[in-house]
């Protein structure tokens, strides 16, 4: 049998440089006639971010701070630090000369706690709170704050880089004004198919629909006014199961799927006790908050779920109760190399910080030194991959 000889296809040459220039010029002439269409660089903007007091969080996100113009969804087990994380974000914006609007729908944020956490910034003129009278009232209040900040910025009443963050704690506690009336109207159908709320699940369905409509409004509102919003959602425990691709999550968030899908960040907050010492000297000195970023649409991921940490002191080691940024900085500095660890000795820029963690932390609680070390650590953010 005769053997077929495969014929070589001639190599196709691409367009010449002159032909390519001519082609691009033709495309450009058509693009100029597209009306509202613009070159992408005029429409698709870079991610803007406000550096926070949580240095490890800023590093893991990959943009140097908390992004503005976006929605953040916060959830986690009850009592594990969701509100504390939200307040830390608000504190960060105030410290940089921006706004923080707090919606305490849970009515569980005491004035004493705020003052202990914020210090003098508790009386910052940009720190405002909105009475959570109803779902509709909060929705209007959020729009008013965003629009007013954008308007003041455009008129030069505030610096052009001024922004703000709004915290909603939590969306589950926002009750629509007419929810009860709507439930009463559907009571006949509910009797036929009762759900967990006694009305065939209609309360949850109605609130999920309202949430979906609100986030449809929030997406362009945050982008156009260059504001940020962080919303706490309830987390429900599920029976852990398996599937074709391994174990599934043993939790889910409430409020409807739109909250997750329209958020740029989905942050799950969990807690670990911070214990130091051995034997009789062993003691709990605070908590370590774990921030698992399950959705990150502001920068590339190098791991599936980036994890940031921040620490909270209970005062047992002599540190004032509250956020412990010195401990955050010490751990990240060692990881990135701005702080050198030799045995048990910590060094920065050739200087001794202390023999042992306690002494190094005591040094870093000096605000001047901490600012210097933090600046050196942040300078390394772009030189190391996010982990």
Protein backbone atom coordinates (compact mmCIF):
# COMPACT_ATOMS: atom_id res chain seq x y z
CA UNK A 1 0.00 0.00 0.00
CA UNK A 2 1.41 3.30 -1.06
CA UNK A 3 2.35 5.52 1.79
CA UNK A 4 0.92 9.01 1.85
CA UNK A 5 3.43 11.75 2.05
CA UNK A 6 2.24 14.59 4.26
CA UNK A 7 2.60 17.88 2.51
CA UNK A 8 3.97 20.73 4.53
CA UNK A 9 1.65 23.72 4.74
CA UNK A 10 3.29 26.98 3.81
CA UNK A 11 3.98 29.21 6.80
CA UNK A 12 1.49 32.04 6.92
CA UNK A 13 3.14 35.34 7.53
CA UNK A 14 1.45 37.92 9.77
CA UNK A 15 0.72 41.42 8.56
CA UNK A 16 3.67 43.66 8.02
CA UNK A 17 4.33 46.58 10.35
CA UNK A 18 2.92 48.96 7.74
CA UNK A 19 -0.21 46.83 7.27
CA UNK A 20 -0.69 46.60 11.04
CA UNK A 21 -0.45 50.39 11.45
CA UNK A 22 -2.99 50.83 8.67
CA UNK A 23 -5.33 48.30 10.31
CA UNK A 24 -5.09 49.95 13.75
CA UNK A 25 -5.71 53.36 12.24
CA UNK A 26 -8.87 52.01 10.60
CA UNK A 27 -10.07 50.55 13.92
CA UNK A 28 -9.37 53.86 15.61
CA UNK A 29 -11.42 55.79 13.07
CA UNK A 30 -14.41 53.53 13.73
CA UNK A 31 -13.92 53.77 17.51
CA UNK A 32 -14.16 57.56 17.29
CA UNK A 33 -17.70 57.19 15.93
CA UNK A 34 -18.99 54.99 18.80
CA UNK A 35 -20.58 57.78 20.81
CA UNK A 36 -20.41 57.04 24.53
CA UNK A 37 -17.74 54.34 24.08
CA UNK A 38 -14.32 55.48 25.29
CA UNK A 39 -10.79 54.02 25.44
CA UNK A 40 -10.78 51.50 28.28
CA UNK A 41 -8.22 53.48 30.32
CA UNK A 42 -10.77 56.30 30.61
CA UNK A 43 -13.47 53.96 31.98
CA UNK A 44 -11.84 51.03 33.81
CA UNK A 45 -10.12 52.61 36.80
CA UNK A 46 -7.38 51.37 39.09
CA UNK A 47 -8.39 50.01 42.47
CA UNK A 48 -8.20 52.75 45.10
CA UNK A 49 -7.61 51.66 48.67
CA UNK A 50 -7.33 53.27 52.11
CA UNK A 51 -4.53 51.82 54.27
CA UNK A 52 -5.93 50.37 57.48
CA UNK A 53 -4.70 49.83 61.02
CA UNK A 54 -4.63 46.10 60.16
CA UNK A 55 -1.28 45.84 58.40
CA UNK A 56 -1.53 42.10 57.67
CA UNK A 57 -5.00 42.56 56.12
CA UNK A 58 -3.62 45.25 53.80
CA UNK A 59 -0.81 42.95 52.70
CA UNK A 60 -3.01 39.92 51.99
CA UNK A 61 -5.48 41.91 49.89
CA UNK A 62 -2.68 42.93 47.55
CA UNK A 63 -3.82 46.55 47.10
CA UNK A 64 -2.29 48.09 50.23
CA UNK A 65 -5.52 48.78 52.08
CA UNK A 66 -9.29 48.44 52.05
CA UNK A 67 -10.71 49.12 48.58
CA UNK A 68 -13.21 51.92 47.98
CA UNK A 69 -15.94 51.92 45.39
CA UNK A 70 -16.82 48.36 46.43
CA UNK A 71 -19.11 46.23 48.62
CA UNK A 72 -17.64 43.97 51.33
CA UNK A 73 -19.59 41.12 52.91
CA UNK A 74 -18.54 40.16 56.47
CA UNK A 75 -19.71 37.02 58.27
CA UNK A 76 -18.57 34.39 60.74
CA UNK A 77 -19.58 32.50 63.88
CA UNK A 78 -21.39 34.46 66.56
CA UNK A 79 -19.08 36.34 68.92
CA UNK A 80 -15.91 35.82 66.86
CA UNK A 81 -15.19 39.49 66.08
CA UNK A 82 -17.26 40.62 63.08
CA UNK A 83 -18.25 43.95 64.64
CA UNK A 84 -14.71 44.48 65.90
CA UNK A 85 -13.36 44.02 62.37
CA UNK A 86 -15.98 46.43 61.01
CA UNK A 87 -15.08 49.04 63.63
CA UNK A 88 -11.37 48.59 62.86
CA UNK A 89 -12.10 49.42 59.21
CA UNK A 90 -14.06 52.50 60.28
CA UNK A 91 -11.26 53.57 62.64
CA UNK A 92 -8.80 53.26 59.75
CA UNK A 93 -10.81 55.61 57.52
CA UNK A 94 -11.16 58.19 60.30
CA UNK A 95 -7.41 58.06 61.03
CA UNK A 96 -6.77 58.97 57.38
CA UNK A 97 -9.20 61.91 57.42
CA UNK A 98 -12.21 60.22 55.84
CA UNK A 99 -15.80 59.45 56.88
CA UNK A 100 -17.16 56.49 58.80
CA UNK A 101 -20.92 55.97 58.90
CA UNK A 102 -22.13 53.33 61.36
CA UNK A 103 -25.52 51.62 61.12
CA UNK A 104 -25.91 49.69 64.38
CA UNK A 105 -29.03 47.73 63.51
CA UNK A 106 -28.12 45.14 66.15
CA UNK A 107 -28.10 47.83 68.88
CA UNK A 108 -25.17 46.05 70.51
CA UNK A 109 -22.29 48.53 70.09
CA UNK A 110 -21.89 50.39 73.40
CA UNK A 111 -20.44 53.89 73.55
CA UNK A 112 -17.85 52.72 76.10
CA UNK A 113 -16.48 50.12 73.70
CA UNK A 114 -16.27 52.62 70.84
CA UNK A 115 -14.36 55.13 72.98
CA UNK A 116 -11.97 52.46 74.26
CA UNK A 117 -11.25 51.32 70.70
CA UNK A 118 -11.20 54.72 68.95
CA UNK A 119 -9.71 56.99 71.60
CA UNK A 120 -9.86 60.65 70.51
CA UNK A 121 -11.16 59.59 67.09
CA UNK A 122 -14.49 58.74 68.73
CA UNK A 123 -15.22 62.50 68.46
CA UNK A 124 -14.01 62.79 64.85
CA UNK A 125 -16.46 65.01 62.88
CA UNK A 126 -16.56 62.44 60.11
CA UNK A 127 -17.76 59.71 62.50
CA UNK A 128 -21.55 59.60 62.13
CA UNK A 129 -24.22 57.05 62.96
CA UNK A 130 -27.64 56.39 61.46
CA UNK A 131 -30.62 55.30 63.57
CA UNK A 132 -31.75 52.02 62.01
CA UNK A 133 -35.48 52.78 62.07
CA UNK A 134 -36.34 50.65 59.01
CA UNK A 135 -34.84 48.99 55.96
CA UNK A 136 -36.08 51.80 53.74
CA UNK A 137 -34.73 54.47 56.12
CA UNK A 138 -31.26 52.94 56.11
CA UNK A 139 -31.30 52.62 52.33
CA UNK A 140 -32.13 56.33 51.96
CA UNK A 141 -29.60 57.31 54.61
CA UNK A 142 -26.78 55.40 52.91
CA UNK A 143 -27.55 57.08 49.58
CA UNK A 144 -27.68 60.51 51.21
CA UNK A 145 -24.26 60.10 52.86
CA UNK A 146 -22.64 58.87 49.64
CA UNK A 147 -24.22 61.58 47.50
CA UNK A 148 -23.31 64.34 49.97
CA UNK A 149 -19.66 63.26 50.16
CA UNK A 150 -19.45 63.06 46.38
CA UNK A 151 -21.12 66.46 46.00
CA UNK A 152 -18.89 68.12 48.62
CA UNK A 153 -15.81 66.67 46.93
CA UNK A 154 -16.92 67.94 43.51
CA UNK A 155 -17.53 71.46 44.90
CA UNK A 156 -14.15 71.60 46.64
CA UNK A 157 -15.64 71.72 50.16
CA UNK A 158 -13.50 68.73 51.16
CA UNK A 159 -10.15 67.52 49.76
CA UNK A 160 -10.46 65.69 46.41
CA UNK A 161 -9.20 62.39 47.84
CA UNK A 162 -11.80 62.29 50.63
CA UNK A 163 -13.84 59.11 50.80
CA UNK A 164 -15.61 57.08 53.47
CA UNK A 165 -16.86 53.68 54.56
CA UNK A 166 -20.32 52.72 55.76
CA UNK A 167 -20.75 49.76 58.12
CA UNK A 168 -24.05 47.90 58.44
CA UNK A 169 -24.31 45.66 61.52
CA UNK A 170 -26.24 43.66 60.48
CA UNK A 171 -28.43 43.46 57.39
CA UNK A 172 -30.60 40.79 59.01
CA UNK A 173 -31.85 43.33 61.55
CA UNK A 174 -33.06 45.79 58.93
CA UNK A 175 -36.85 45.33 58.96
CA UNK A 176 -38.88 46.58 55.96
CA UNK A 177 -41.78 48.85 56.91
CA UNK A 178 -44.42 46.84 55.07
CA UNK A 179 -43.07 43.35 55.63
CA UNK A 180 -45.78 42.41 58.14
CA UNK A 181 -48.58 43.65 55.85
CA UNK A 182 -47.17 41.65 52.94
CA UNK A 183 -46.94 38.54 55.12
CA UNK A 184 -50.52 38.93 56.25
CA UNK A 185 -51.67 39.12 52.63
CA UNK A 186 -49.95 35.81 51.87
CA UNK A 187 -51.15 33.97 54.99
CA UNK A 188 -53.66 31.88 53.04
CA UNK A 189 -50.97 30.41 50.80
CA UNK A 190 -48.63 30.08 53.77
CA UNK A 191 -51.03 27.76 55.53
CA UNK A 192 -50.68 25.35 52.66
CA UNK A 193 -46.90 25.39 52.69
CA UNK A 194 -45.42 26.56 55.98
CA UNK A 195 -41.76 27.38 56.16
CA UNK A 196 -39.44 27.91 59.09
CA UNK A 197 -40.81 31.41 59.69
CA UNK A 198 -44.42 30.21 59.72
CA UNK A 199 -45.21 31.88 56.42
CA UNK A 200 -43.81 29.46 53.89
CA UNK A 201 -40.40 31.12 54.08
CA UNK A 202 -41.88 34.30 52.61
CA UNK A 203 -40.22 36.66 55.08
CA UNK A 204 -36.80 35.42 54.01
CA UNK A 205 -37.77 35.53 50.35
CA UNK A 206 -39.02 39.09 50.61
CA UNK A 207 -35.91 40.30 52.43
CA UNK A 208 -33.65 38.49 49.96
CA UNK A 209 -35.48 40.24 47.12
CA UNK A 210 -35.04 43.61 48.84
CA UNK A 211 -31.34 42.87 49.40
CA UNK A 212 -30.91 42.02 45.72
CA UNK A 213 -32.55 45.28 44.70
CA UNK A 214 -30.42 47.24 47.19
CA UNK A 215 -27.10 45.80 46.05
CA UNK A 216 -28.12 46.57 42.46
CA UNK A 217 -28.32 50.18 43.66
CA UNK A 218 -25.17 50.00 45.81
CA UNK A 219 -22.82 48.77 43.06
CA UNK A 220 -23.01 51.95 40.92
CA UNK A 221 -23.50 54.18 43.98
CA UNK A 222 -20.23 53.08 45.58
CA UNK A 223 -18.35 53.31 42.29
CA UNK A 224 -19.73 56.73 41.29
CA UNK A 225 -19.22 58.35 44.71
CA UNK A 226 -15.94 56.51 45.48
CA UNK A 227 -17.27 55.28 48.81
CA UNK A 228 -17.17 51.83 50.42
CA UNK A 229 -19.72 49.79 52.32
CA UNK A 230 -19.19 46.76 54.55
CA UNK A 231 -22.24 44.67 55.43
CA UNK A 232 -22.38 42.04 58.18
CA UNK A 233 -24.53 39.04 57.31
CA UNK A 234 -25.69 36.17 59.48
CA UNK A 235 -23.86 32.86 59.14
CA UNK A 236 -25.72 29.57 59.55
CA UNK A 237 -24.06 26.30 60.58
CA UNK A 238 -24.61 23.36 58.25
CA UNK A 239 -23.84 19.67 58.46
CA UNK A 240 -20.48 19.22 56.75
CA UNK A 241 -20.76 17.06 53.67
CA UNK A 242 -18.66 15.79 50.83
CA UNK A 243 -18.93 15.93 47.09
CA UNK A 244 -17.12 15.08 43.88
CA UNK A 245 -14.53 17.74 44.63
CA UNK A 246 -14.02 17.11 48.34
CA UNK A 247 -15.63 18.48 51.50
CA UNK A 248 -18.08 21.33 51.19
CA UNK A 249 -18.34 24.30 53.52
CA UNK A 250 -20.13 23.70 56.80
CA UNK A 251 -21.65 27.19 56.79
CA UNK A 252 -23.65 29.50 54.59
CA UNK A 253 -24.53 33.19 54.72
CA UNK A 254 -28.05 34.54 54.90
CA UNK A 255 -29.74 37.40 53.12
CA UNK A 256 -29.86 35.92 49.64
CA UNK A 257 -27.23 35.11 47.04
CA UNK A 258 -27.02 38.68 45.67
CA UNK A 259 -25.11 39.82 48.77
CA UNK A 260 -22.30 37.40 47.96
CA UNK A 261 -22.27 37.71 44.17
CA UNK A 262 -22.28 41.52 44.12
CA UNK A 263 -19.60 41.89 46.81
CA UNK A 264 -16.00 42.45 45.77
CA UNK A 265 -14.78 41.02 49.08
CA UNK A 266 -16.24 38.20 51.16
CA UNK A 267 -14.47 38.05 54.53
CA UNK A 268 -15.15 35.35 57.11
CA UNK A 269 -14.07 36.30 60.65
CA UNK A 270 -13.07 33.65 63.17
CA UNK A 271 -11.34 33.71 66.53
CA UNK A 272 -8.50 31.90 68.25
CA UNK A 273 -7.38 32.49 71.84
CA UNK A 274 -3.92 33.99 72.12
CA UNK A 275 -2.06 32.04 74.80
CA UNK A 276 1.55 32.63 75.84
CA UNK A 277 3.94 31.12 78.36
CA UNK A 278 4.40 27.61 79.69
CA UNK A 279 3.31 25.78 82.83
CA UNK A 280 2.40 28.12 85.67
CA UNK A 281 3.27 31.12 83.48
CA UNK A 282 0.78 30.11 80.79
CA UNK A 283 -1.93 32.73 80.32
CA UNK A 284 -4.41 34.08 77.80
CA UNK A 285 -3.33 37.54 76.65
CA UNK A 286 -5.98 38.20 74.02
CA UNK A 287 -7.45 36.89 70.80
CA UNK A 288 -6.21 36.34 67.29
CA UNK A 289 -8.82 37.21 64.66
CA UNK A 290 -8.58 35.18 61.46
CA UNK A 291 -9.84 36.88 58.30
CA UNK A 292 -10.42 34.34 55.55
CA UNK A 293 -11.01 36.13 52.23
CA UNK A 294 -13.28 33.80 50.29
CA UNK A 295 -13.79 36.26 47.47
CA UNK A 296 -11.18 38.74 46.29
CA UNK A 297 -12.14 40.77 43.22
CA UNK A 298 -9.64 43.59 43.73
CA UNK A 299 -6.35 41.74 43.19
CA UNK A 300 -5.04 38.36 42.08
CA UNK A 301 -5.00 35.39 44.42
CA UNK A 302 -1.97 33.17 44.90
CA UNK A 303 -3.80 30.88 47.29
CA UNK A 304 -7.42 29.83 47.22
CA UNK A 305 -8.43 31.58 50.45
CA UNK A 306 -5.96 34.27 51.57
CA UNK A 307 -5.90 34.61 55.35
CA UNK A 308 -5.07 37.76 57.27
CA UNK A 309 -4.82 38.10 61.04
CA UNK A 310 -5.12 40.85 63.58
CA UNK A 311 -4.71 40.71 67.33
CA UNK A 312 -6.75 42.02 70.22
CA UNK A 313 -5.25 42.42 73.69
CA UNK A 314 -7.15 41.79 76.92
CA UNK A 315 -4.60 43.80 78.93
CA UNK A 316 -3.08 40.77 80.67
CA UNK A 317 0.41 41.41 79.29
CA UNK A 318 0.44 45.12 80.12
CA UNK A 319 -0.82 46.15 76.70
CA UNK A 320 -3.90 48.41 76.76
CA UNK A 321 -7.04 46.38 75.96
CA UNK A 322 -8.15 46.64 72.34
CA UNK A 323 -6.44 46.34 68.97
CA UNK A 324 -2.79 45.31 69.17
CA UNK A 325 -1.12 46.65 65.99
CA UNK A 326 2.38 46.14 67.42
CA UNK A 327 1.84 42.37 67.52
CA UNK A 328 0.41 42.41 63.98
CA UNK A 329 3.46 44.31 62.75
CA UNK A 330 5.99 42.09 64.55
CA UNK A 331 4.61 38.91 62.96
CA UNK A 332 4.34 40.34 59.44
CA UNK A 333 7.71 42.09 59.71
CA UNK A 334 9.43 38.79 60.48
CA UNK A 335 7.61 37.11 57.59
CA UNK A 336 8.57 39.79 55.04
CA UNK A 337 12.06 40.40 56.39
CA UNK A 338 11.82 43.98 57.62
CA UNK A 339 12.37 42.54 61.12
CA UNK A 340 15.12 39.98 61.59
CA UNK A 341 14.72 37.14 64.08
CA UNK A 342 17.95 35.53 65.30
CA UNK A 343 17.20 32.86 67.84
CA UNK A 344 14.96 34.74 70.26
CA UNK A 345 16.38 38.18 69.41
CA UNK A 346 14.47 40.62 67.17
CA UNK A 347 16.35 43.27 65.18
CA UNK A 348 15.30 46.10 62.88
CA UNK A 349 17.66 48.00 60.60
CA UNK A 350 20.64 46.78 62.59
CA UNK A 351 19.08 47.86 65.89
CA UNK A 352 18.10 45.57 68.70
CA UNK A 353 14.36 45.48 69.35
CA UNK A 354 14.56 43.02 72.19
CA UNK A 355 15.57 39.55 73.32
CA UNK A 356 12.24 37.79 73.29
CA UNK A 357 8.82 38.69 71.90
CA UNK A 358 7.66 40.59 74.99
CA UNK A 359 10.57 43.05 74.85
CA UNK A 360 10.27 43.49 71.07
CA UNK A 361 6.56 44.21 71.41
CA UNK A 362 7.23 46.74 74.17
CA UNK A 363 9.61 48.59 71.82
CA UNK A 364 7.14 48.52 68.93
CA UNK A 365 4.45 50.10 71.08
CA UNK A 366 6.39 53.34 70.81
CA UNK A 367 4.36 55.13 68.11
CA UNK A 368 7.38 56.73 66.43
CA UNK A 369 9.31 53.49 66.07
CA UNK A 370 6.22 51.56 65.01
CA UNK A 371 5.48 54.07 62.26
CA UNK A 372 9.05 53.72 60.97
CA UNK A 373 8.97 49.91 61.00
CA UNK A 374 5.52 49.82 59.43
CA UNK A 375 6.62 52.09 56.57
CA UNK A 376 9.59 49.79 55.91
CA UNK A 377 7.31 46.74 56.02
CA UNK A 378 4.71 48.25 53.68
CA UNK A 379 7.51 49.09 51.24
CA UNK A 380 8.00 45.34 50.83
CA UNK A 381 4.36 44.62 49.90
CA UNK A 382 4.99 44.72 46.16
CA UNK A 383 8.20 42.73 46.41
CA UNK A 384 6.74 39.59 47.95
CA UNK A 385 3.85 37.44 46.73
CA UNK A 386 0.61 37.51 48.66
CA UNK A 387 0.22 34.34 50.72
